Amino acid sequence: MNRDLAQMRRDYHLTPLLEEQAGQTPWPLFEIWMQEAIQSPHQDANAMLLSSVDTQGQPHARIVLLKGYSTEGLVFYTNYQSAKGQEIAQSPKVALTFWWEALERQIRIEGEARQLAPEASDTYFQSRPRDSQLGAWASAQSQILQSREQLSERFQQLQDQYPENAPIPRPAHWGGYCVHPHTFEFWQGQPNRLHDRLRFERHPASDWQLVRLSP
């Protein structure tokens, strides 16, 4: 193991995760952990596992990128017609998982995914690199391709259709989701395997309840 990574793990293990650090809602602790993950080496801090379920009850999971968050929820962008988009359309209940190996920390989040307002998706789409904008048009995400060349030809056609500096509109089938959470679980690894697990659950009155779970 990289010595810096090993030392970082030891440093975080020395500090138990205490209830009084967590506050009344999960968001302050989420902000602290996210910022520490961003500042640490060896991390893709905003990479998260998105899990959804199809009509047969089969769960599916894939990595997406967190693009923003607030006390309302966590935001990511994708093709609405993709497999995950179709799964969310028939069942908006999803789970998110962050794993930061260097810090030996995990956050599990459960909630409902809802599409962002079109204006919010428009704004983010225009901030993306030009090739990424064209890629959103070129790829019928999750659909079968006959060959790599088929995708490349479609991309080239779009480059011809939208010459340099020509604005590229956002496809109606592409945009953002906000996952509105009702559960957070914070997991901090410990060398004796007596890991720390703090779980927040939102109740109907919109208050968060904090409990400690056995590792």
N, C-alpha and C. Protein backbone atom coordinates (compact mmCIF):
# COMPACT_ATOMS: atom_id res chain seq x y z
N MET A 1 0.85 -1.19 0.00
CA MET A 1 0.00 0.00 0.00
C MET A 1 0.88 1.25 0.00
N ASN A 2 0.51 2.24 -0.76
CA ASN A 2 1.21 3.51 -0.76
C ASN A 2 1.33 4.03 0.66
N ARG A 3 2.52 4.53 1.06
CA ARG A 3 2.73 4.94 2.45
C ARG A 3 1.84 6.11 2.82
N ASP A 4 1.66 7.06 1.91
CA ASP A 4 0.79 8.20 2.20
C ASP A 4 -0.64 7.74 2.43
N LEU A 5 -1.09 6.78 1.62
CA LEU A 5 -2.44 6.24 1.77
C LEU A 5 -2.58 5.52 3.10
N ALA A 6 -1.57 4.73 3.48
CA ALA A 6 -1.62 4.01 4.74
C ALA A 6 -1.65 4.99 5.92
N GLN A 7 -0.84 6.04 5.87
CA GLN A 7 -0.83 7.02 6.94
C GLN A 7 -2.16 7.74 7.05
N MET A 8 -2.76 8.06 5.88
CA MET A 8 -4.05 8.73 5.89
C MET A 8 -5.09 7.86 6.56
N ARG A 9 -5.09 6.58 6.26
CA ARG A 9 -6.05 5.68 6.89
C ARG A 9 -5.85 5.64 8.39
N ARG A 10 -4.58 5.58 8.84
CA ARG A 10 -4.31 5.55 10.28
C ARG A 10 -4.83 6.82 10.94
N ASP A 11 -4.61 7.96 10.29
CA ASP A 11 -5.04 9.24 10.86
C ASP A 11 -6.55 9.27 11.06
N TYR A 12 -7.30 8.82 10.06
CA TYR A 12 -8.75 8.87 10.19
C TYR A 12 -9.26 7.81 11.16
N HIS A 13 -8.56 6.67 11.25
CA HIS A 13 -8.97 5.64 12.20
C HIS A 13 -8.83 6.11 13.64
N LEU A 14 -7.88 7.02 13.90
CA LEU A 14 -7.65 7.48 15.27
C LEU A 14 -8.83 8.29 15.80
N THR A 15 -9.69 8.76 14.92
CA THR A 15 -10.80 9.61 15.32
C THR A 15 -12.12 8.88 15.11
N PRO A 16 -12.75 8.39 16.18
CA PRO A 16 -14.06 7.74 16.02
C PRO A 16 -15.09 8.74 15.50
N LEU A 17 -16.05 8.24 14.80
CA LEU A 17 -17.15 9.06 14.29
C LEU A 17 -18.21 9.15 15.39
N LEU A 18 -18.36 10.31 15.97
CA LEU A 18 -19.25 10.50 17.11
C LEU A 18 -20.54 11.18 16.69
N GLU A 19 -21.61 10.87 17.43
CA GLU A 19 -22.92 11.43 17.11
C GLU A 19 -22.90 12.96 17.16
N GLU A 20 -22.17 13.54 18.12
CA GLU A 20 -22.18 14.99 18.25
C GLU A 20 -21.49 15.69 17.07
N GLN A 21 -20.68 14.96 16.31
CA GLN A 21 -20.08 15.53 15.11
C GLN A 21 -21.10 15.64 13.98
N ALA A 22 -22.14 14.85 14.04
CA ALA A 22 -23.05 14.72 12.90
C ALA A 22 -24.05 15.85 12.79
N GLY A 23 -24.49 16.42 13.90
CA GLY A 23 -25.47 17.48 13.84
C GLY A 23 -26.89 16.95 13.75
N GLN A 24 -27.81 17.85 13.41
CA GLN A 24 -29.23 17.52 13.39
C GLN A 24 -29.70 16.94 12.05
N THR A 25 -28.93 17.15 10.98
CA THR A 25 -29.26 16.62 9.66
C THR A 25 -27.99 16.00 9.07
N PRO A 26 -28.11 15.22 8.03
CA PRO A 26 -26.91 14.59 7.45
C PRO A 26 -26.04 15.53 6.63
N TRP A 27 -26.56 16.71 6.28
CA TRP A 27 -25.86 17.53 5.30
C TRP A 27 -24.53 18.12 5.78
N PRO A 28 -24.40 18.59 7.03
CA PRO A 28 -23.08 19.10 7.44
C PRO A 28 -21.99 18.04 7.38
N LEU A 29 -22.29 16.82 7.84
CA LEU A 29 -21.29 15.76 7.80
C LEU A 29 -21.01 15.36 6.35
N PHE A 30 -22.04 15.32 5.51
CA PHE A 30 -21.81 15.01 4.09
C PHE A 30 -20.87 16.05 3.48
N GLU A 31 -21.08 17.32 3.78
CA GLU A 31 -20.22 18.38 3.24
C GLU A 31 -18.78 18.21 3.71
N ILE A 32 -18.59 17.92 4.99
CA ILE A 32 -17.23 17.73 5.51
C ILE A 32 -16.54 16.56 4.81
N TRP A 33 -17.24 15.43 4.72
CA TRP A 33 -16.63 14.25 4.11
C TRP A 33 -16.36 14.47 2.62
N MET A 34 -17.28 15.13 1.93
CA MET A 34 -17.06 15.38 0.52
C MET A 34 -15.84 16.27 0.29
N GLN A 35 -15.71 17.32 1.08
CA GLN A 35 -14.58 18.22 0.92
C GLN A 35 -13.27 17.53 1.27
N GLU A 36 -13.26 16.69 2.29
CA GLU A 36 -12.04 15.95 2.62
C GLU A 36 -11.70 14.94 1.53
N ALA A 37 -12.70 14.35 0.90
CA ALA A 37 -12.44 13.43 -0.22
C ALA A 37 -11.88 14.19 -1.41
N ILE A 38 -12.42 15.38 -1.69
CA ILE A 38 -11.92 16.20 -2.80
C ILE A 38 -10.46 16.56 -2.58
N GLN A 39 -10.10 16.86 -1.33
CA GLN A 39 -8.74 17.32 -1.03
C GLN A 39 -7.74 16.18 -0.89
N SER A 40 -8.21 14.94 -0.76
CA SER A 40 -7.31 13.82 -0.57
C SER A 40 -6.82 13.27 -1.90
N PRO A 41 -5.66 12.62 -1.92
CA PRO A 41 -5.19 12.00 -3.17
C PRO A 41 -5.93 10.71 -3.44
N HIS A 42 -5.71 10.18 -4.65
CA HIS A 42 -6.21 8.86 -5.04
C HIS A 42 -7.73 8.80 -5.07
N GLN A 43 -8.41 9.91 -5.30
CA GLN A 43 -9.86 9.90 -5.21
C GLN A 43 -10.51 10.48 -6.47
N ASP A 44 -11.63 9.87 -6.88
CA ASP A 44 -12.60 10.51 -7.75
C ASP A 44 -13.76 10.83 -6.82
N ALA A 45 -13.65 11.94 -6.13
CA ALA A 45 -14.53 12.20 -4.99
C ALA A 45 -16.00 12.22 -5.36
N ASN A 46 -16.32 12.66 -6.59
CA ASN A 46 -17.73 12.80 -6.96
C ASN A 46 -18.28 11.59 -7.70
N ALA A 47 -17.51 10.51 -7.78
CA ALA A 47 -18.02 9.28 -8.41
C ALA A 47 -18.92 8.55 -7.43
N MET A 48 -20.11 8.17 -7.88
CA MET A 48 -21.05 7.48 -6.99
C MET A 48 -21.74 6.36 -7.75
N LEU A 49 -22.02 5.29 -7.03
CA LEU A 49 -22.74 4.15 -7.60
C LEU A 49 -24.23 4.42 -7.52
N LEU A 50 -24.89 4.44 -8.67
CA LEU A 50 -26.34 4.61 -8.73
C LEU A 50 -26.99 3.25 -8.95
N SER A 51 -27.88 2.87 -8.05
CA SER A 51 -28.58 1.60 -8.16
C SER A 51 -30.06 1.86 -8.39
N SER A 52 -30.63 1.14 -9.36
CA SER A 52 -32.05 1.24 -9.67
C SER A 52 -32.57 -0.17 -9.97
N VAL A 53 -33.89 -0.29 -10.12
CA VAL A 53 -34.51 -1.60 -10.28
C VAL A 53 -35.39 -1.60 -11.53
N ASP A 54 -35.33 -2.69 -12.31
CA ASP A 54 -36.15 -2.77 -13.51
C ASP A 54 -37.53 -3.36 -13.19
N THR A 55 -38.35 -3.54 -14.22
CA THR A 55 -39.73 -3.99 -14.01
C THR A 55 -39.81 -5.42 -13.48
N GLN A 56 -38.74 -6.19 -13.60
CA GLN A 56 -38.70 -7.56 -13.09
C GLN A 56 -38.16 -7.63 -11.66
N GLY A 57 -37.86 -6.46 -11.09
CA GLY A 57 -37.29 -6.44 -9.75
C GLY A 57 -35.80 -6.67 -9.71
N GLN A 58 -35.16 -6.72 -10.91
CA GLN A 58 -33.72 -6.94 -10.98
C GLN A 58 -32.98 -5.62 -10.73
N PRO A 59 -32.12 -5.54 -9.72
CA PRO A 59 -31.36 -4.31 -9.50
C PRO A 59 -30.22 -4.18 -10.51
N HIS A 60 -29.92 -2.93 -10.85
CA HIS A 60 -28.80 -2.62 -11.74
C HIS A 60 -28.00 -1.47 -11.12
N ALA A 61 -26.69 -1.50 -11.31
CA ALA A 61 -25.84 -0.48 -10.70
C ALA A 61 -24.80 -0.02 -11.71
N ARG A 62 -24.45 1.28 -11.62
CA ARG A 62 -23.43 1.86 -12.48
C ARG A 62 -22.89 3.12 -11.83
N ILE A 63 -21.70 3.52 -12.23
CA ILE A 63 -21.08 4.73 -11.69
C ILE A 63 -21.55 5.94 -12.49
N VAL A 64 -22.01 6.97 -11.78
CA VAL A 64 -22.31 8.27 -12.37
C VAL A 64 -21.57 9.32 -11.56
N LEU A 65 -21.58 10.56 -12.05
CA LEU A 65 -20.84 11.63 -11.37
C LEU A 65 -21.80 12.61 -10.71
N LEU A 66 -21.54 12.89 -9.44
CA LEU A 66 -22.29 13.91 -8.73
C LEU A 66 -21.91 15.27 -9.29
N LYS A 67 -22.90 16.05 -9.72
CA LYS A 67 -22.64 17.35 -10.33
C LYS A 67 -23.12 18.52 -9.48
N GLY A 68 -23.72 18.24 -8.35
CA GLY A 68 -24.16 19.29 -7.46
C GLY A 68 -24.99 18.71 -6.34
N TYR A 69 -25.08 19.43 -5.23
CA TYR A 69 -25.92 18.96 -4.13
C TYR A 69 -26.30 20.15 -3.25
N SER A 70 -27.42 19.99 -2.59
CA SER A 70 -27.93 20.97 -1.64
C SER A 70 -28.80 20.20 -0.66
N THR A 71 -29.42 20.90 0.27
CA THR A 71 -30.29 20.20 1.21
C THR A 71 -31.52 19.63 0.52
N GLU A 72 -31.73 20.01 -0.75
CA GLU A 72 -32.84 19.42 -1.51
C GLU A 72 -32.47 18.03 -2.02
N GLY A 73 -31.21 17.83 -2.42
CA GLY A 73 -30.83 16.53 -2.93
C GLY A 73 -29.53 16.56 -3.70
N LEU A 74 -29.24 15.45 -4.39
CA LEU A 74 -27.98 15.24 -5.11
C LEU A 74 -28.28 15.12 -6.60
N VAL A 75 -27.49 15.80 -7.43
CA VAL A 75 -27.80 15.95 -8.85
C VAL A 75 -26.80 15.19 -9.73
N PHE A 76 -27.33 14.50 -10.72
CA PHE A 76 -26.50 13.90 -11.77
C PHE A 76 -27.24 14.05 -13.09
N TYR A 77 -26.54 13.83 -14.20
CA TYR A 77 -27.11 14.00 -15.54
C TYR A 77 -26.92 12.74 -16.36
N THR A 78 -27.88 12.48 -17.25
CA THR A 78 -27.80 11.28 -18.07
C THR A 78 -28.82 11.36 -19.21
N ASN A 79 -28.86 10.29 -20.00
CA ASN A 79 -29.85 10.15 -21.06
C ASN A 79 -31.13 9.58 -20.45
N TYR A 80 -32.24 10.29 -20.58
CA TYR A 80 -33.50 9.84 -20.00
C TYR A 80 -33.99 8.53 -20.62
N GLN A 81 -33.54 8.23 -21.85
CA GLN A 81 -33.98 7.02 -22.53
C GLN A 81 -33.03 5.84 -22.32
N SER A 82 -31.99 6.06 -21.53
CA SER A 82 -31.05 4.98 -21.22
C SER A 82 -31.73 3.95 -20.32
N ALA A 83 -31.03 2.85 -20.06
CA ALA A 83 -31.59 1.82 -19.18
C ALA A 83 -31.91 2.40 -17.81
N LYS A 84 -31.00 3.19 -17.25
CA LYS A 84 -31.28 3.75 -15.93
C LYS A 84 -32.41 4.75 -15.98
N GLY A 85 -32.51 5.52 -17.07
CA GLY A 85 -33.61 6.46 -17.22
C GLY A 85 -34.95 5.75 -17.27
N GLN A 86 -35.02 4.64 -18.00
CA GLN A 86 -36.26 3.88 -18.08
C GLN A 86 -36.61 3.24 -16.73
N GLU A 87 -35.58 2.77 -16.02
CA GLU A 87 -35.82 2.19 -14.70
C GLU A 87 -36.35 3.23 -13.72
N ILE A 88 -35.75 4.42 -13.75
CA ILE A 88 -36.20 5.50 -12.86
C ILE A 88 -37.62 5.92 -13.22
N ALA A 89 -37.96 5.91 -14.50
CA ALA A 89 -39.30 6.32 -14.92
C ALA A 89 -40.37 5.38 -14.35
N GLN A 90 -40.06 4.08 -14.26
CA GLN A 90 -41.06 3.14 -13.75
C GLN A 90 -40.97 2.97 -12.24
N SER A 91 -39.82 3.30 -11.64
CA SER A 91 -39.69 3.26 -10.19
C SER A 91 -38.61 4.25 -9.77
N PRO A 92 -38.99 5.41 -9.24
CA PRO A 92 -38.01 6.45 -8.92
C PRO A 92 -37.17 6.16 -7.68
N LYS A 93 -37.44 5.05 -6.98
CA LYS A 93 -36.66 4.73 -5.80
C LYS A 93 -35.27 4.25 -6.20
N VAL A 94 -34.24 4.95 -5.73
CA VAL A 94 -32.87 4.64 -6.10
C VAL A 94 -31.98 4.66 -4.86
N ALA A 95 -30.76 4.17 -5.04
CA ALA A 95 -29.74 4.24 -3.99
C ALA A 95 -28.45 4.78 -4.60
N LEU A 96 -27.72 5.54 -3.81
CA LEU A 96 -26.42 6.07 -4.19
C LEU A 96 -25.38 5.58 -3.18
N THR A 97 -24.19 5.27 -3.66
CA THR A 97 -23.11 4.84 -2.77
C THR A 97 -21.83 5.56 -3.14
N PHE A 98 -21.21 6.21 -2.17
CA PHE A 98 -19.88 6.79 -2.31
C PHE A 98 -18.90 5.90 -1.55
N TRP A 99 -17.74 5.61 -2.18
CA TRP A 99 -16.68 4.84 -1.52
C TRP A 99 -15.37 5.57 -1.73
N TRP A 100 -14.76 6.01 -0.63
CA TRP A 100 -13.49 6.73 -0.68
C TRP A 100 -12.43 5.88 0.02
N GLU A 101 -11.69 5.12 -0.79
CA GLU A 101 -10.76 4.12 -0.24
C GLU A 101 -9.68 4.75 0.62
N ALA A 102 -9.13 5.89 0.15
CA ALA A 102 -8.03 6.50 0.89
C ALA A 102 -8.44 6.90 2.30
N LEU A 103 -9.70 7.25 2.47
CA LEU A 103 -10.21 7.65 3.78
C LEU A 103 -10.91 6.49 4.49
N GLU A 104 -11.05 5.38 3.80
CA GLU A 104 -11.81 4.22 4.28
C GLU A 104 -13.18 4.67 4.79
N ARG A 105 -13.90 5.35 3.90
CA ARG A 105 -15.22 5.87 4.23
C ARG A 105 -16.22 5.50 3.14
N GLN A 106 -17.44 5.27 3.57
CA GLN A 106 -18.54 5.00 2.65
C GLN A 106 -19.76 5.80 3.10
N ILE A 107 -20.51 6.31 2.11
CA ILE A 107 -21.81 6.90 2.40
C ILE A 107 -22.83 6.21 1.51
N ARG A 108 -23.91 5.69 2.14
CA ARG A 108 -25.03 5.10 1.42
C ARG A 108 -26.22 6.03 1.55
N ILE A 109 -26.89 6.29 0.42
CA ILE A 109 -28.03 7.21 0.39
C ILE A 109 -29.17 6.53 -0.34
N GLU A 110 -30.37 6.64 0.20
CA GLU A 110 -31.57 6.12 -0.46
C GLU A 110 -32.58 7.24 -0.59
N GLY A 111 -33.30 7.25 -1.72
CA GLY A 111 -34.28 8.30 -1.93
C GLY A 111 -35.00 8.12 -3.25
N GLU A 112 -35.60 9.21 -3.74
CA GLU A 112 -36.33 9.20 -4.99
C GLU A 112 -35.68 10.16 -5.98
N ALA A 113 -35.55 9.70 -7.23
CA ALA A 113 -34.96 10.52 -8.29
C ALA A 113 -36.06 11.20 -9.08
N ARG A 114 -35.93 12.51 -9.24
CA ARG A 114 -36.90 13.28 -10.01
C ARG A 114 -36.15 14.13 -11.03
N GLN A 115 -36.72 14.25 -12.22
CA GLN A 115 -36.08 15.06 -13.26
C GLN A 115 -36.01 16.52 -12.84
N LEU A 116 -34.89 17.15 -13.20
CA LEU A 116 -34.74 18.58 -12.97
C LEU A 116 -35.62 19.37 -13.93
N ALA A 117 -35.87 20.62 -13.59
CA ALA A 117 -36.57 21.51 -14.51
C ALA A 117 -35.74 21.65 -15.79
N PRO A 118 -36.38 21.73 -16.96
CA PRO A 118 -35.64 21.83 -18.23
C PRO A 118 -34.63 22.97 -18.23
N GLU A 119 -34.96 24.09 -17.58
CA GLU A 119 -34.04 25.23 -17.58
C GLU A 119 -32.73 24.89 -16.87
N ALA A 120 -32.80 24.10 -15.80
CA ALA A 120 -31.58 23.71 -15.09
C ALA A 120 -30.72 22.79 -15.96
N SER A 121 -31.37 21.87 -16.67
CA SER A 121 -30.62 20.97 -17.56
C SER A 121 -30.02 21.74 -18.72
N ASP A 122 -30.76 22.74 -19.25
CA ASP A 122 -30.23 23.57 -20.33
C ASP A 122 -28.95 24.26 -19.90
N THR A 123 -28.98 24.84 -18.70
CA THR A 123 -27.82 25.59 -18.20
C THR A 123 -26.60 24.69 -18.06
N TYR A 124 -26.80 23.50 -17.49
CA TYR A 124 -25.67 22.60 -17.33
C TYR A 124 -25.17 22.10 -18.69
N PHE A 125 -26.08 21.78 -19.59
CA PHE A 125 -25.68 21.27 -20.90
C PHE A 125 -24.78 22.27 -21.61
N GLN A 126 -25.10 23.55 -21.54
CA GLN A 126 -24.30 24.56 -22.23
C GLN A 126 -22.93 24.75 -21.59
N SER A 127 -22.75 24.28 -20.35
CA SER A 127 -21.44 24.37 -19.69
C SER A 127 -20.52 23.22 -20.06
N ARG A 128 -21.04 22.21 -20.74
CA ARG A 128 -20.26 21.02 -21.05
C ARG A 128 -19.33 21.29 -22.25
N PRO A 129 -18.22 20.54 -22.34
CA PRO A 129 -17.38 20.65 -23.53
C PRO A 129 -18.18 20.33 -24.79
N ARG A 130 -17.79 20.96 -25.89
CA ARG A 130 -18.54 20.81 -27.15
C ARG A 130 -18.66 19.35 -27.58
N ASP A 131 -17.59 18.58 -27.48
CA ASP A 131 -17.66 17.18 -27.88
C ASP A 131 -18.63 16.39 -27.00
N SER A 132 -18.73 16.77 -25.72
CA SER A 132 -19.68 16.09 -24.84
C SER A 132 -21.11 16.44 -25.23
N GLN A 133 -21.33 17.67 -25.67
CA GLN A 133 -22.66 18.05 -26.15
C GLN A 133 -23.02 17.23 -27.39
N LEU A 134 -22.09 17.12 -28.32
CA LEU A 134 -22.35 16.32 -29.52
C LEU A 134 -22.55 14.85 -29.17
N GLY A 135 -21.80 14.38 -28.18
CA GLY A 135 -21.92 12.98 -27.77
C GLY A 135 -23.30 12.66 -27.22
N ALA A 136 -23.92 13.63 -26.55
CA ALA A 136 -25.26 13.41 -26.01
C ALA A 136 -26.27 13.20 -27.14
N TRP A 137 -26.04 13.84 -28.29
CA TRP A 137 -26.89 13.62 -29.46
C TRP A 137 -26.54 12.32 -30.18
N ALA A 138 -25.24 12.01 -30.24
CA ALA A 138 -24.78 10.88 -31.06
C ALA A 138 -25.15 9.53 -30.46
N SER A 139 -25.16 9.45 -29.14
CA SER A 139 -25.33 8.15 -28.49
C SER A 139 -26.77 7.90 -28.08
N ALA A 140 -27.36 6.83 -28.63
CA ALA A 140 -28.65 6.34 -28.15
C ALA A 140 -28.33 5.39 -27.00
N GLN A 141 -28.05 5.95 -25.85
CA GLN A 141 -27.45 5.22 -24.73
C GLN A 141 -28.23 3.95 -24.39
N SER A 142 -27.49 2.87 -24.21
CA SER A 142 -27.98 1.54 -23.84
C SER A 142 -28.56 0.76 -25.02
N GLN A 143 -28.70 1.39 -26.20
CA GLN A 143 -29.23 0.69 -27.36
C GLN A 143 -28.11 -0.09 -28.07
N ILE A 144 -28.46 -1.15 -28.75
CA ILE A 144 -27.48 -1.98 -29.44
C ILE A 144 -26.89 -1.25 -30.64
N LEU A 145 -25.56 -1.31 -30.76
CA LEU A 145 -24.84 -0.75 -31.90
C LEU A 145 -24.37 -1.87 -32.81
N GLN A 146 -24.43 -1.64 -34.10
CA GLN A 146 -23.92 -2.64 -35.05
C GLN A 146 -22.41 -2.65 -35.08
N SER A 147 -21.79 -1.48 -34.84
CA SER A 147 -20.33 -1.38 -34.86
C SER A 147 -19.91 -0.06 -34.24
N ARG A 148 -18.63 0.03 -33.91
CA ARG A 148 -18.07 1.30 -33.42
C ARG A 148 -18.16 2.37 -34.50
N GLU A 149 -17.99 1.92 -35.76
CA GLU A 149 -18.03 2.87 -36.87
C GLU A 149 -19.38 3.57 -36.97
N GLN A 150 -20.45 2.87 -36.64
CA GLN A 150 -21.78 3.47 -36.68
C GLN A 150 -21.85 4.69 -35.75
N LEU A 151 -21.29 4.56 -34.57
CA LEU A 151 -21.28 5.66 -33.62
C LEU A 151 -20.38 6.80 -34.11
N SER A 152 -19.22 6.44 -34.65
CA SER A 152 -18.29 7.46 -35.15
C SER A 152 -18.90 8.24 -36.31
N GLU A 153 -19.60 7.55 -37.19
CA GLU A 153 -20.23 8.22 -38.33
C GLU A 153 -21.32 9.18 -37.87
N ARG A 154 -22.08 8.77 -36.87
CA ARG A 154 -23.12 9.64 -36.33
C ARG A 154 -22.50 10.88 -35.70
N PHE A 155 -21.41 10.72 -35.01
CA PHE A 155 -20.73 11.86 -34.39
C PHE A 155 -20.21 12.82 -35.46
N GLN A 156 -19.64 12.26 -36.54
CA GLN A 156 -19.13 13.10 -37.62
C GLN A 156 -20.26 13.87 -38.29
N GLN A 157 -21.40 13.23 -38.48
CA GLN A 157 -22.56 13.92 -39.07
C GLN A 157 -22.99 15.11 -38.21
N LEU A 158 -22.93 14.93 -36.91
CA LEU A 158 -23.30 16.02 -36.02
C LEU A 158 -22.27 17.14 -36.04
N GLN A 159 -21.00 16.79 -36.17
CA GLN A 159 -19.97 17.82 -36.30
C GLN A 159 -20.22 18.67 -37.56
N ASP A 160 -20.65 18.01 -38.63
CA ASP A 160 -20.96 18.74 -39.86
C ASP A 160 -22.22 19.58 -39.70
N GLN A 161 -23.18 19.04 -38.95
CA GLN A 161 -24.45 19.75 -38.75
C GLN A 161 -24.27 20.99 -37.88
N TYR A 162 -23.38 20.89 -36.90
CA TYR A 162 -23.13 22.00 -35.99
C TYR A 162 -21.66 22.42 -36.10
N PRO A 163 -21.34 23.25 -37.10
CA PRO A 163 -19.95 23.69 -37.26
C PRO A 163 -19.46 24.47 -36.05
N GLU A 164 -18.17 24.68 -35.99
CA GLU A 164 -17.55 25.37 -34.86
C GLU A 164 -18.26 26.68 -34.56
N ASN A 165 -18.52 26.90 -33.26
CA ASN A 165 -19.17 28.12 -32.75
C ASN A 165 -20.69 28.14 -32.95
N ALA A 166 -21.25 27.17 -33.68
CA ALA A 166 -22.70 27.11 -33.79
C ALA A 166 -23.26 26.54 -32.49
N PRO A 167 -24.27 27.16 -31.88
CA PRO A 167 -24.82 26.63 -30.63
C PRO A 167 -25.45 25.26 -30.82
N ILE A 168 -25.29 24.41 -29.84
CA ILE A 168 -25.85 23.06 -29.87
C ILE A 168 -26.96 22.99 -28.83
N PRO A 169 -28.19 22.78 -29.23
CA PRO A 169 -29.28 22.71 -28.25
C PRO A 169 -29.21 21.41 -27.45
N ARG A 170 -29.76 21.45 -26.26
CA ARG A 170 -29.82 20.24 -25.44
C ARG A 170 -30.86 19.28 -26.01
N PRO A 171 -30.51 18.00 -26.17
CA PRO A 171 -31.52 17.02 -26.60
C PRO A 171 -32.62 16.89 -25.54
N ALA A 172 -33.85 16.76 -25.99
CA ALA A 172 -34.96 16.61 -25.03
C ALA A 172 -34.82 15.33 -24.21
N HIS A 173 -34.07 14.34 -24.74
CA HIS A 173 -33.93 13.07 -24.04
C HIS A 173 -32.76 13.06 -23.06
N TRP A 174 -32.12 14.19 -22.86
CA TRP A 174 -30.93 14.26 -21.99
C TRP A 174 -31.13 15.34 -20.94
N GLY A 175 -30.81 15.05 -19.70
CA GLY A 175 -30.96 16.06 -18.66
C GLY A 175 -30.60 15.53 -17.29
N GLY A 176 -31.02 16.29 -16.29
CA GLY A 176 -30.60 15.98 -14.93
C GLY A 176 -31.69 15.35 -14.08
N TYR A 177 -31.21 14.70 -13.03
CA TYR A 177 -32.07 14.18 -11.97
C TYR A 177 -31.57 14.74 -10.64
N CYS A 178 -32.49 14.93 -9.72
CA CYS A 178 -32.14 15.22 -8.34
C CYS A 178 -32.66 14.07 -7.49
N VAL A 179 -31.76 13.45 -6.74
CA VAL A 179 -32.16 12.39 -5.82
C VAL A 179 -32.50 13.04 -4.48
N HIS A 180 -33.78 12.97 -4.11
CA HIS A 180 -34.26 13.54 -2.85
C HIS A 180 -34.15 12.44 -1.79
N PRO A 181 -33.22 12.58 -0.85
CA PRO A 181 -32.93 11.45 0.05
C PRO A 181 -33.86 11.38 1.26
N HIS A 182 -34.09 10.15 1.70
CA HIS A 182 -34.76 9.94 2.97
C HIS A 182 -33.89 9.17 3.95
N THR A 183 -32.74 8.66 3.47
CA THR A 183 -31.82 7.91 4.33
C THR A 183 -30.37 8.20 3.95
N PHE A 184 -29.53 8.44 4.95
CA PHE A 184 -28.08 8.52 4.79
C PHE A 184 -27.46 7.55 5.79
N GLU A 185 -26.43 6.83 5.36
CA GLU A 185 -25.63 6.06 6.30
C GLU A 185 -24.16 6.38 6.09
N PHE A 186 -23.50 6.83 7.16
CA PHE A 186 -22.08 7.17 7.13
C PHE A 186 -21.31 6.03 7.79
N TRP A 187 -20.30 5.51 7.07
CA TRP A 187 -19.50 4.37 7.54
C TRP A 187 -18.04 4.79 7.58
N GLN A 188 -17.42 4.70 8.74
CA GLN A 188 -15.99 4.99 8.90
C GLN A 188 -15.28 3.73 9.34
N GLY A 189 -14.34 3.25 8.53
CA GLY A 189 -13.61 2.03 8.86
C GLY A 189 -12.73 2.21 10.09
N GLN A 190 -12.55 1.12 10.84
CA GLN A 190 -11.67 1.10 12.00
C GLN A 190 -10.81 -0.15 11.92
N PRO A 191 -9.55 -0.09 12.37
CA PRO A 191 -8.62 -1.23 12.19
C PRO A 191 -9.03 -2.48 12.95
N ASN A 192 -9.80 -2.33 14.05
CA ASN A 192 -10.23 -3.51 14.81
C ASN A 192 -11.55 -4.08 14.30
N ARG A 193 -12.01 -3.61 13.15
CA ARG A 193 -13.25 -4.02 12.50
C ARG A 193 -14.50 -3.56 13.26
N LEU A 194 -14.33 -2.78 14.34
CA LEU A 194 -15.48 -2.20 15.02
C LEU A 194 -15.78 -0.86 14.37
N HIS A 195 -16.24 -0.93 13.13
CA HIS A 195 -16.43 0.26 12.32
C HIS A 195 -17.53 1.14 12.90
N ASP A 196 -17.48 2.42 12.55
CA ASP A 196 -18.52 3.37 12.95
C ASP A 196 -19.58 3.45 11.85
N ARG A 197 -20.85 3.33 12.25
CA ARG A 197 -21.96 3.48 11.31
C ARG A 197 -23.03 4.37 11.94
N LEU A 198 -23.24 5.53 11.32
CA LEU A 198 -24.29 6.44 11.76
C LEU A 198 -25.32 6.55 10.64
N ARG A 199 -26.58 6.40 11.02
CA ARG A 199 -27.66 6.39 10.03
C ARG A 199 -28.67 7.49 10.35
N PHE A 200 -28.95 8.32 9.34
CA PHE A 200 -29.99 9.33 9.41
C PHE A 200 -31.20 8.85 8.63
N GLU A 201 -32.37 8.99 9.22
CA GLU A 201 -33.62 8.67 8.52
C GLU A 201 -34.57 9.85 8.63
N ARG A 202 -35.16 10.23 7.47
CA ARG A 202 -36.11 11.33 7.48
C ARG A 202 -37.50 10.79 7.79
N HIS A 203 -38.20 11.47 8.68
CA HIS A 203 -39.53 11.06 9.09
C HIS A 203 -40.58 11.97 8.47
N PRO A 204 -41.83 11.55 8.49
CA PRO A 204 -42.90 12.30 7.80
C PRO A 204 -42.94 13.78 8.16
N ALA A 205 -42.55 14.13 9.37
CA ALA A 205 -42.58 15.54 9.78
C ALA A 205 -41.38 16.30 9.24
N SER A 206 -40.56 15.64 8.39
CA SER A 206 -39.37 16.24 7.77
C SER A 206 -38.22 16.42 8.74
N ASP A 207 -38.30 15.79 9.92
CA ASP A 207 -37.18 15.80 10.84
C ASP A 207 -36.30 14.59 10.58
N TRP A 208 -35.01 14.75 10.83
CA TRP A 208 -34.08 13.64 10.65
C TRP A 208 -33.82 12.99 12.02
N GLN A 209 -33.81 11.67 12.05
CA GLN A 209 -33.49 10.92 13.26
C GLN A 209 -32.17 10.20 13.06
N LEU A 210 -31.27 10.33 14.04
CA LEU A 210 -29.94 9.75 13.97
C LEU A 210 -29.86 8.55 14.91
N VAL A 211 -29.35 7.42 14.37
CA VAL A 211 -29.09 6.24 15.19
C VAL A 211 -27.71 5.70 14.86
N ARG A 212 -27.13 4.98 15.81
CA ARG A 212 -25.86 4.28 15.57
C ARG A 212 -26.15 2.82 15.33
N LEU A 213 -25.51 2.24 14.31
CA LEU A 213 -25.70 0.84 13.97
C LEU A 213 -24.46 0.02 14.34
N SER A 214 -24.67 -1.22 14.69
CA SER A 214 -23.54 -2.13 14.90
C SER A 214 -22.80 -2.32 13.58
N PRO A 215 -21.49 -2.50 13.63
CA PRO A 215 -20.73 -2.69 12.38
C PRO A 215 -21.02 -4.05 11.76
